[in-house]
Amino acid sequence: KLAPDTVQVGTQAASYTHHTHGVR
């Protein structure tokens, strides 16, 4: 109700990297 289509299933994170103002 707050944010339709927000959840993406079948999706796995492998890693993250930092950048100047956030994260990748």
mmCIF file of all heavy atoms, coordinates in Angstrom:
data_MODEL
# 
_entry.id   MODEL 
# 
loop_
_atom_site.group_PDB 
_atom_site.id 
_atom_site.type_symbol 
_atom_site.label_atom_id 
_atom_site.label_alt_id 
_atom_site.label_comp_id 
_atom_site.label_asym_id 
_atom_site.label_entity_id 
_atom_site.label_seq_id 
_atom_site.pdbx_PDB_ins_code 
_atom_site.Cartn_x 
_atom_site.Cartn_y 
_atom_site.Cartn_z 
_atom_site.occupancy 
_atom_site.B_iso_or_equiv 
_atom_site.pdbx_formal_charge 
_atom_site.auth_seq_id 
_atom_site.auth_comp_id 
_atom_site.auth_asym_id 
_atom_site.auth_atom_id 
_atom_site.pdbx_PDB_model_num 
ATOM 1   N N   . LYS A 1 1  ? 0.833  -1.199  0.000  1.00 0.00 ? 1  LYS A N   1 
ATOM 2   C CA  . LYS A 1 1  ? 0.000  0.000   0.000  1.00 0.00 ? 1  LYS A CA  1 
ATOM 3   C C   . LYS A 1 1  ? 0.872  1.255   0.000  1.00 0.00 ? 1  LYS A C   1 
ATOM 4   O O   . LYS A 1 1  ? 0.542  2.259   -0.659 1.00 0.00 ? 1  LYS A O   1 
ATOM 5   C CB  . LYS A 1 1  ? -0.921 -0.003  1.209  1.00 0.00 ? 1  LYS A CB  1 
ATOM 6   C CG  . LYS A 1 1  ? -1.899 1.167   1.232  1.00 0.00 ? 1  LYS A CG  1 
ATOM 7   C CD  . LYS A 1 1  ? -2.879 1.067   2.387  1.00 0.00 ? 1  LYS A CD  1 
ATOM 8   C CE  . LYS A 1 1  ? -3.855 2.239   2.368  1.00 0.00 ? 1  LYS A CE  1 
ATOM 9   N NZ  . LYS A 1 1  ? -4.806 2.185   3.510  1.00 0.00 ? 1  LYS A NZ  1 
ATOM 10  N N   . LEU A 1 2  ? 1.958  1.207   0.735  1.00 0.00 ? 2  LEU A N   1 
ATOM 11  C CA  . LEU A 1 2  ? 2.856  2.365   0.819  1.00 0.00 ? 2  LEU A CA  1 
ATOM 12  C C   . LEU A 1 2  ? 3.699  2.535   -0.441 1.00 0.00 ? 2  LEU A C   1 
ATOM 13  O O   . LEU A 1 2  ? 3.963  3.662   -0.873 1.00 0.00 ? 2  LEU A O   1 
ATOM 14  C CB  . LEU A 1 2  ? 3.791  2.218   2.024  1.00 0.00 ? 2  LEU A CB  1 
ATOM 15  C CG  . LEU A 1 2  ? 3.155  2.299   3.406  1.00 0.00 ? 2  LEU A CG  1 
ATOM 16  C CD1 . LEU A 1 2  ? 4.169  1.874   4.464  1.00 0.00 ? 2  LEU A CD1 1 
ATOM 17  C CD2 . LEU A 1 2  ? 2.669  3.712   3.688  1.00 0.00 ? 2  LEU A CD2 1 
ATOM 18  N N   . ALA A 1 3  ? 4.147  1.414   -1.000 1.00 0.00 ? 3  ALA A N   1 
ATOM 19  C CA  . ALA A 1 3  ? 5.058  1.457   -2.152 1.00 0.00 ? 3  ALA A CA  1 
ATOM 20  C C   . ALA A 1 3  ? 4.876  0.188   -2.973 1.00 0.00 ? 3  ALA A C   1 
ATOM 21  O O   . ALA A 1 3  ? 5.567  -0.811  -2.739 1.00 0.00 ? 3  ALA A O   1 
ATOM 22  C CB  . ALA A 1 3  ? 6.509  1.585   -1.669 1.00 0.00 ? 3  ALA A CB  1 
ATOM 23  N N   . PRO A 1 4  ? 3.945  0.190   -3.923 1.00 0.00 ? 4  PRO A N   1 
ATOM 24  C CA  . PRO A 1 4  ? 3.695  -1.008  -4.731 1.00 0.00 ? 4  PRO A CA  1 
ATOM 25  C C   . PRO A 1 4  ? 4.939  -1.461  -5.492 1.00 0.00 ? 4  PRO A C   1 
ATOM 26  O O   . PRO A 1 4  ? 5.800  -0.662  -5.863 1.00 0.00 ? 4  PRO A O   1 
ATOM 27  C CB  . PRO A 1 4  ? 2.599  -0.544  -5.702 1.00 0.00 ? 4  PRO A CB  1 
ATOM 28  C CG  . PRO A 1 4  ? 1.968  0.644   -5.043 1.00 0.00 ? 4  PRO A CG  1 
ATOM 29  C CD  . PRO A 1 4  ? 3.063  1.312   -4.266 1.00 0.00 ? 4  PRO A CD  1 
ATOM 30  N N   . ASP A 1 5  ? 5.020  -2.774  -5.691 1.00 0.00 ? 5  ASP A N   1 
ATOM 31  C CA  . ASP A 1 5  ? 6.097  -3.377  -6.502 1.00 0.00 ? 5  ASP A CA  1 
ATOM 32  C C   . ASP A 1 5  ? 7.485  -3.065  -5.941 1.00 0.00 ? 5  ASP A C   1 
ATOM 33  O O   . ASP A 1 5  ? 8.445  -2.875  -6.698 1.00 0.00 ? 5  ASP A O   1 
ATOM 34  C CB  . ASP A 1 5  ? 6.004  -2.900  -7.962 1.00 0.00 ? 5  ASP A CB  1 
ATOM 35  C CG  . ASP A 1 5  ? 4.663  -3.221  -8.589 1.00 0.00 ? 5  ASP A CG  1 
ATOM 36  O OD1 . ASP A 1 5  ? 4.151  -4.325  -8.337 1.00 0.00 ? 5  ASP A OD1 1 
ATOM 37  O OD2 . ASP A 1 5  ? 4.122  -2.361  -9.302 1.00 0.00 ? 5  ASP A OD2 1 
ATOM 38  N N   . THR A 1 6  ? 7.585  -3.050  -4.625 1.00 0.00 ? 6  THR A N   1 
ATOM 39  C CA  . THR A 1 6  ? 8.863  -2.756  -3.979 1.00 0.00 ? 6  THR A CA  1 
ATOM 40  C C   . THR A 1 6  ? 9.713  -4.004  -3.796 1.00 0.00 ? 6  THR A C   1 
ATOM 41  O O   . THR A 1 6  ? 10.938 -3.941  -3.830 1.00 0.00 ? 6  THR A O   1 
ATOM 42  C CB  . THR A 1 6  ? 8.598  -2.105  -2.598 1.00 0.00 ? 6  THR A CB  1 
ATOM 43  O OG1 . THR A 1 6  ? 7.990  -0.836  -2.818 1.00 0.00 ? 6  THR A OG1 1 
ATOM 44  C CG2 . THR A 1 6  ? 9.876  -1.912  -1.818 1.00 0.00 ? 6  THR A CG2 1 
ATOM 45  N N   . VAL A 1 7  ? 9.059  -5.153  -3.585 1.00 0.00 ? 7  VAL A N   1 
ATOM 46  C CA  . VAL A 1 7  ? 9.777  -6.394  -3.303 1.00 0.00 ? 7  VAL A CA  1 
ATOM 47  C C   . VAL A 1 7  ? 10.114 -7.110  -4.596 1.00 0.00 ? 7  VAL A C   1 
ATOM 48  O O   . VAL A 1 7  ? 9.232  -7.381  -5.420 1.00 0.00 ? 7  VAL A O   1 
ATOM 49  C CB  . VAL A 1 7  ? 8.944  -7.308  -2.387 1.00 0.00 ? 7  VAL A CB  1 
ATOM 50  C CG1 . VAL A 1 7  ? 9.707  -8.600  -2.089 1.00 0.00 ? 7  VAL A CG1 1 
ATOM 51  C CG2 . VAL A 1 7  ? 8.588  -6.601  -1.086 1.00 0.00 ? 7  VAL A CG2 1 
ATOM 52  N N   . GLN A 1 8  ? 11.382 -7.444  -4.775 1.00 0.00 ? 8  GLN A N   1 
ATOM 53  C CA  . GLN A 1 8  ? 11.830 -8.197  -5.945 1.00 0.00 ? 8  GLN A CA  1 
ATOM 54  C C   . GLN A 1 8  ? 12.332 -9.554  -5.482 1.00 0.00 ? 8  GLN A C   1 
ATOM 55  O O   . GLN A 1 8  ? 13.361 -9.651  -4.800 1.00 0.00 ? 8  GLN A O   1 
ATOM 56  C CB  . GLN A 1 8  ? 12.946 -7.447  -6.686 1.00 0.00 ? 8  GLN A CB  1 
ATOM 57  C CG  . GLN A 1 8  ? 13.424 -8.165  -7.946 1.00 0.00 ? 8  GLN A CG  1 
ATOM 58  C CD  . GLN A 1 8  ? 14.444 -7.349  -8.724 1.00 0.00 ? 8  GLN A CD  1 
ATOM 59  O OE1 . GLN A 1 8  ? 14.492 -6.125  -8.605 1.00 0.00 ? 8  GLN A OE1 1 
ATOM 60  N NE2 . GLN A 1 8  ? 15.277 -8.028  -9.510 1.00 0.00 ? 8  GLN A NE2 1 
ATOM 61  N N   . VAL A 1 9  ? 11.604 -10.618 -5.807 1.00 0.00 ? 9  VAL A N   1 
ATOM 62  C CA  . VAL A 1 9  ? 11.978 -11.960 -5.378 1.00 0.00 ? 9  VAL A CA  1 
ATOM 63  C C   . VAL A 1 9  ? 12.942 -12.581 -6.388 1.00 0.00 ? 9  VAL A C   1 
ATOM 64  O O   . VAL A 1 9  ? 13.139 -12.068 -7.493 1.00 0.00 ? 9  VAL A O   1 
ATOM 65  C CB  . VAL A 1 9  ? 10.734 -12.850 -5.208 1.00 0.00 ? 9  VAL A CB  1 
ATOM 66  C CG1 . VAL A 1 9  ? 9.824  -12.297 -4.118 1.00 0.00 ? 9  VAL A CG1 1 
ATOM 67  C CG2 . VAL A 1 9  ? 9.967  -12.990 -6.516 1.00 0.00 ? 9  VAL A CG2 1 
ATOM 68  N N   . GLY A 1 10 ? 13.549 -13.693 -5.990 1.00 0.00 ? 10 GLY A N   1 
ATOM 69  C CA  . GLY A 1 10 ? 14.505 -14.374 -6.860 1.00 0.00 ? 10 GLY A CA  1 
ATOM 70  C C   . GLY A 1 10 ? 15.729 -13.546 -7.152 1.00 0.00 ? 10 GLY A C   1 
ATOM 71  O O   . GLY A 1 10 ? 16.361 -13.719 -8.202 1.00 0.00 ? 10 GLY A O   1 
ATOM 72  N N   . THR A 1 11 ? 16.079 -12.674 -6.236 1.00 0.00 ? 11 THR A N   1 
ATOM 73  C CA  . THR A 1 11 ? 17.198 -11.748 -6.439 1.00 0.00 ? 11 THR A CA  1 
ATOM 74  C C   . THR A 1 11 ? 18.155 -11.850 -5.263 1.00 0.00 ? 11 THR A C   1 
ATOM 75  O O   . THR A 1 11 ? 17.767 -11.599 -4.116 1.00 0.00 ? 11 THR A O   1 
ATOM 76  C CB  . THR A 1 11 ? 16.687 -10.297 -6.555 1.00 0.00 ? 11 THR A CB  1 
ATOM 77  O OG1 . THR A 1 11 ? 15.695 -10.235 -7.580 1.00 0.00 ? 11 THR A OG1 1 
ATOM 78  C CG2 . THR A 1 11 ? 17.826 -9.359  -6.888 1.00 0.00 ? 11 THR A CG2 1 
ATOM 79  N N   . GLN A 1 12 ? 19.407 -12.192 -5.546 1.00 0.00 ? 12 GLN A N   1 
ATOM 80  C CA  . GLN A 1 12 ? 20.379 -12.411 -4.479 1.00 0.00 ? 12 GLN A CA  1 
ATOM 81  C C   . GLN A 1 12 ? 21.535 -11.418 -4.571 1.00 0.00 ? 12 GLN A C   1 
ATOM 82  O O   . GLN A 1 12 ? 22.135 -11.250 -5.634 1.00 0.00 ? 12 GLN A O   1 
ATOM 83  C CB  . GLN A 1 12 ? 20.921 -13.843 -4.544 1.00 0.00 ? 12 GLN A CB  1 
ATOM 84  C CG  . GLN A 1 12 ? 21.798 -14.214 -3.357 1.00 0.00 ? 12 GLN A CG  1 
ATOM 85  C CD  . GLN A 1 12 ? 22.145 -15.695 -3.350 1.00 0.00 ? 12 GLN A CD  1 
ATOM 86  O OE1 . GLN A 1 12 ? 21.700 -16.449 -4.218 1.00 0.00 ? 12 GLN A OE1 1 
ATOM 87  N NE2 . GLN A 1 12 ? 22.934 -16.117 -2.372 1.00 0.00 ? 12 GLN A NE2 1 
ATOM 88  N N   . ALA A 1 13 ? 21.819 -10.766 -3.463 1.00 0.00 ? 13 ALA A N   1 
ATOM 89  C CA  . ALA A 1 13 ? 22.962 -9.857  -3.416 1.00 0.00 ? 13 ALA A CA  1 
ATOM 90  C C   . ALA A 1 13 ? 24.247 -10.655 -3.260 1.00 0.00 ? 13 ALA A C   1 
ATOM 91  O O   . ALA A 1 13 ? 24.307 -11.624 -2.503 1.00 0.00 ? 13 ALA A O   1 
ATOM 92  C CB  . ALA A 1 13 ? 22.800 -8.876  -2.261 1.00 0.00 ? 13 ALA A CB  1 
ATOM 93  N N   . ALA A 1 14 ? 25.294 -10.226 -3.980 1.00 0.00 ? 14 ALA A N   1 
ATOM 94  C CA  . ALA A 1 14 ? 26.592 -10.909 -3.902 1.00 0.00 ? 14 ALA A CA  1 
ATOM 95  C C   . ALA A 1 14 ? 27.600 -10.126 -3.078 1.00 0.00 ? 14 ALA A C   1 
ATOM 96  O O   . ALA A 1 14 ? 28.410 -10.704 -2.350 1.00 0.00 ? 14 ALA A O   1 
ATOM 97  C CB  . ALA A 1 14 ? 27.141 -11.146 -5.311 1.00 0.00 ? 14 ALA A CB  1 
ATOM 98  N N   . SER A 1 15 ? 27.557 -8.780  -3.183 1.00 0.00 ? 15 SER A N   1 
ATOM 99  C CA  . SER A 1 15 ? 28.543 -7.961  -2.487 1.00 0.00 ? 15 SER A CA  1 
ATOM 100 C C   . SER A 1 15 ? 28.097 -6.504  -2.549 1.00 0.00 ? 15 SER A C   1 
ATOM 101 O O   . SER A 1 15 ? 27.073 -6.175  -3.161 1.00 0.00 ? 15 SER A O   1 
ATOM 102 C CB  . SER A 1 15 ? 29.926 -8.099  -3.129 1.00 0.00 ? 15 SER A CB  1 
ATOM 103 O OG  . SER A 1 15 ? 29.906 -7.624  -4.477 1.00 0.00 ? 15 SER A OG  1 
ATOM 104 N N   . TYR A 1 16 ? 28.882 -5.641  -1.929 1.00 0.00 ? 16 TYR A N   1 
ATOM 105 C CA  . TYR A 1 16 ? 28.643 -4.204  -2.035 1.00 0.00 ? 16 TYR A CA  1 
ATOM 106 C C   . TYR A 1 16 ? 29.976 -3.482  -2.126 1.00 0.00 ? 16 TYR A C   1 
ATOM 107 O O   . TYR A 1 16 ? 31.017 -3.989  -1.702 1.00 0.00 ? 16 TYR A O   1 
ATOM 108 C CB  . TYR A 1 16 ? 27.828 -3.686  -0.850 1.00 0.00 ? 16 TYR A CB  1 
ATOM 109 C CG  . TYR A 1 16 ? 28.502 -3.823  0.496  1.00 0.00 ? 16 TYR A CG  1 
ATOM 110 C CD1 . TYR A 1 16 ? 29.414 -2.863  0.949  1.00 0.00 ? 16 TYR A CD1 1 
ATOM 111 C CD2 . TYR A 1 16 ? 28.236 -4.908  1.331  1.00 0.00 ? 16 TYR A CD2 1 
ATOM 112 C CE1 . TYR A 1 16 ? 30.041 -2.991  2.176  1.00 0.00 ? 16 TYR A CE1 1 
ATOM 113 C CE2 . TYR A 1 16 ? 28.864 -5.040  2.559  1.00 0.00 ? 16 TYR A CE2 1 
ATOM 114 C CZ  . TYR A 1 16 ? 29.762 -4.079  2.976  1.00 0.00 ? 16 TYR A CZ  1 
ATOM 115 O OH  . TYR A 1 16 ? 30.391 -4.205  4.191  1.00 0.00 ? 16 TYR A OH  1 
ATOM 116 N N   . THR A 1 17 ? 29.922 -2.289  -2.691 1.00 0.00 ? 17 THR A N   1 
ATOM 117 C CA  . THR A 1 17 ? 31.089 -1.410  -2.725 1.00 0.00 ? 17 THR A CA  1 
ATOM 118 C C   . THR A 1 17 ? 30.639 -0.009  -2.339 1.00 0.00 ? 17 THR A C   1 
ATOM 119 O O   . THR A 1 17 ? 29.484 0.366   -2.533 1.00 0.00 ? 17 THR A O   1 
ATOM 120 C CB  . THR A 1 17 ? 31.743 -1.378  -4.116 1.00 0.00 ? 17 THR A CB  1 
ATOM 121 O OG1 . THR A 1 17 ? 30.781 -0.923  -5.083 1.00 0.00 ? 17 THR A OG1 1 
ATOM 122 C CG2 . THR A 1 17 ? 32.240 -2.751  -4.528 1.00 0.00 ? 17 THR A CG2 1 
ATOM 123 N N   . HIS A 1 18 ? 31.561 0.737   -1.779 1.00 0.00 ? 18 HIS A N   1 
ATOM 124 C CA  . HIS A 1 18 ? 31.243 2.102   -1.372 1.00 0.00 ? 18 HIS A CA  1 
ATOM 125 C C   . HIS A 1 18 ? 31.587 3.073   -2.495 1.00 0.00 ? 18 HIS A C   1 
ATOM 126 O O   . HIS A 1 18 ? 32.519 2.848   -3.272 1.00 0.00 ? 18 HIS A O   1 
ATOM 127 C CB  . HIS A 1 18 ? 32.056 2.480   -0.130 1.00 0.00 ? 18 HIS A CB  1 
ATOM 128 C CG  . HIS A 1 18 ? 31.834 1.569   1.035  1.00 0.00 ? 18 HIS A CG  1 
ATOM 129 N ND1 . HIS A 1 18 ? 30.665 1.570   1.770  1.00 0.00 ? 18 HIS A ND1 1 
ATOM 130 C CD2 . HIS A 1 18 ? 32.624 0.619   1.594  1.00 0.00 ? 18 HIS A CD2 1 
ATOM 131 C CE1 . HIS A 1 18 ? 30.754 0.671   2.727  1.00 0.00 ? 18 HIS A CE1 1 
ATOM 132 N NE2 . HIS A 1 18 ? 31.929 0.076   2.649  1.00 0.00 ? 18 HIS A NE2 1 
ATOM 133 N N   . HIS A 1 19 ? 30.818 4.144   -2.591 1.00 0.00 ? 19 HIS A N   1 
ATOM 134 C CA  . HIS A 1 19 ? 31.236 5.260   -3.445 1.00 0.00 ? 19 HIS A CA  1 
ATOM 135 C C   . HIS A 1 19 ? 31.023 6.554   -2.662 1.00 0.00 ? 19 HIS A C   1 
ATOM 136 O O   . HIS A 1 19 ? 30.610 6.530   -1.493 1.00 0.00 ? 19 HIS A O   1 
ATOM 137 C CB  . HIS A 1 19 ? 30.530 5.249   -4.801 1.00 0.00 ? 19 HIS A CB  1 
ATOM 138 C CG  . HIS A 1 19 ? 29.037 5.313   -4.740 1.00 0.00 ? 19 HIS A CG  1 
ATOM 139 N ND1 . HIS A 1 19 ? 28.340 6.473   -4.462 1.00 0.00 ? 19 HIS A ND1 1 
ATOM 140 C CD2 . HIS A 1 19 ? 28.084 4.360   -4.934 1.00 0.00 ? 19 HIS A CD2 1 
ATOM 141 C CE1 . HIS A 1 19 ? 27.049 6.236   -4.501 1.00 0.00 ? 19 HIS A CE1 1 
ATOM 142 N NE2 . HIS A 1 19 ? 26.864 4.965   -4.782 1.00 0.00 ? 19 HIS A NE2 1 
ATOM 143 N N   . THR A 1 20 ? 31.287 7.664   -3.258 1.00 0.00 ? 20 THR A N   1 
ATOM 144 C CA  . THR A 1 20 ? 31.400 8.929   -2.526 1.00 0.00 ? 20 THR A CA  1 
ATOM 145 C C   . THR A 1 20 ? 30.199 9.254   -1.670 1.00 0.00 ? 20 THR A C   1 
ATOM 146 O O   . THR A 1 20 ? 30.321 9.636   -0.511 1.00 0.00 ? 20 THR A O   1 
ATOM 147 C CB  . THR A 1 20 ? 31.644 10.092  -3.517 1.00 0.00 ? 20 THR A CB  1 
ATOM 148 O OG1 . THR A 1 20 ? 32.776 9.779   -4.321 1.00 0.00 ? 20 THR A OG1 1 
ATOM 149 C CG2 . THR A 1 20 ? 31.904 11.384  -2.758 1.00 0.00 ? 20 THR A CG2 1 
ATOM 150 N N   . HIS A 1 21 ? 28.996 9.086   -2.207 1.00 0.00 ? 21 HIS A N   1 
ATOM 151 C CA  . HIS A 1 21 ? 27.801 9.506   -1.481 1.00 0.00 ? 21 HIS A CA  1 
ATOM 152 C C   . HIS A 1 21 ? 26.841 8.366   -1.168 1.00 0.00 ? 21 HIS A C   1 
ATOM 153 O O   . HIS A 1 21 ? 25.685 8.614   -0.830 1.00 0.00 ? 21 HIS A O   1 
ATOM 154 C CB  . HIS A 1 21 ? 27.057 10.584  -2.277 1.00 0.00 ? 21 HIS A CB  1 
ATOM 155 C CG  . HIS A 1 21 ? 27.865 11.818  -2.502 1.00 0.00 ? 21 HIS A CG  1 
ATOM 156 N ND1 . HIS A 1 21 ? 28.244 12.655  -1.475 1.00 0.00 ? 21 HIS A ND1 1 
ATOM 157 C CD2 . HIS A 1 21 ? 28.387 12.346  -3.648 1.00 0.00 ? 21 HIS A CD2 1 
ATOM 158 C CE1 . HIS A 1 21 ? 28.959 13.651  -1.963 1.00 0.00 ? 21 HIS A CE1 1 
ATOM 159 N NE2 . HIS A 1 21 ? 29.051 13.500  -3.275 1.00 0.00 ? 21 HIS A NE2 1 
ATOM 160 N N   . GLY A 1 22 ? 27.298 7.121   -1.296 1.00 0.00 ? 22 GLY A N   1 
ATOM 161 C CA  . GLY A 1 22 ? 26.376 6.035   -1.033 1.00 0.00 ? 22 GLY A CA  1 
ATOM 162 C C   . GLY A 1 22 ? 27.018 4.680   -1.168 1.00 0.00 ? 22 GLY A C   1 
ATOM 163 O O   . GLY A 1 22 ? 28.192 4.492   -0.839 1.00 0.00 ? 22 GLY A O   1 
ATOM 164 N N   . VAL A 1 23 ? 26.237 3.739   -1.679 1.00 0.00 ? 23 VAL A N   1 
ATOM 165 C CA  . VAL A 1 23 ? 26.686 2.353   -1.756 1.00 0.00 ? 23 VAL A CA  1 
ATOM 166 C C   . VAL A 1 23 ? 26.183 1.742   -3.056 1.00 0.00 ? 23 VAL A C   1 
ATOM 167 O O   . VAL A 1 23 ? 25.143 2.135   -3.592 1.00 0.00 ? 23 VAL A O   1 
ATOM 168 C CB  . VAL A 1 23 ? 26.160 1.553   -0.534 1.00 0.00 ? 23 VAL A CB  1 
ATOM 169 C CG1 . VAL A 1 23 ? 24.640 1.537   -0.498 1.00 0.00 ? 23 VAL A CG1 1 
ATOM 170 C CG2 . VAL A 1 23 ? 26.720 0.150   -0.501 1.00 0.00 ? 23 VAL A CG2 1 
ATOM 171 N N   . ARG A 1 24 ? 26.941 0.796   -3.544 1.00 0.00 ? 24 ARG A N   1 
ATOM 172 C CA  . ARG A 1 24 ? 26.589 0.072   -4.779 1.00 0.00 ? 24 ARG A CA  1 
ATOM 173 C C   . ARG A 1 24 ? 26.470 -1.407  -4.420 1.00 0.00 ? 24 ARG A C   1 
ATOM 174 O O   . ARG A 1 24 ? 27.421 -2.018  -3.950 1.00 0.00 ? 24 ARG A O   1 
ATOM 175 C CB  . ARG A 1 24 ? 27.660 0.294   -5.831 1.00 0.00 ? 24 ARG A CB  1 
ATOM 176 C CG  . ARG A 1 24 ? 27.420 -0.384  -7.159 1.00 0.00 ? 24 ARG A CG  1 
ATOM 177 C CD  . ARG A 1 24 ? 28.296 0.254   -8.217 1.00 0.00 ? 24 ARG A CD  1 
ATOM 178 N NE  . ARG A 1 24 ? 27.853 1.616   -8.490 1.00 0.00 ? 24 ARG A NE  1 
ATOM 179 C CZ  . ARG A 1 24 ? 28.663 2.598   -8.955 1.00 0.00 ? 24 ARG A CZ  1 
ATOM 180 N NH1 . ARG A 1 24 ? 29.950 2.348   -9.147 1.00 0.00 ? 24 ARG A NH1 1 
ATOM 181 N NH2 . ARG A 1 24 ? 28.164 3.790   -9.190 1.00 0.00 ? 24 ARG A NH2 1 
# 
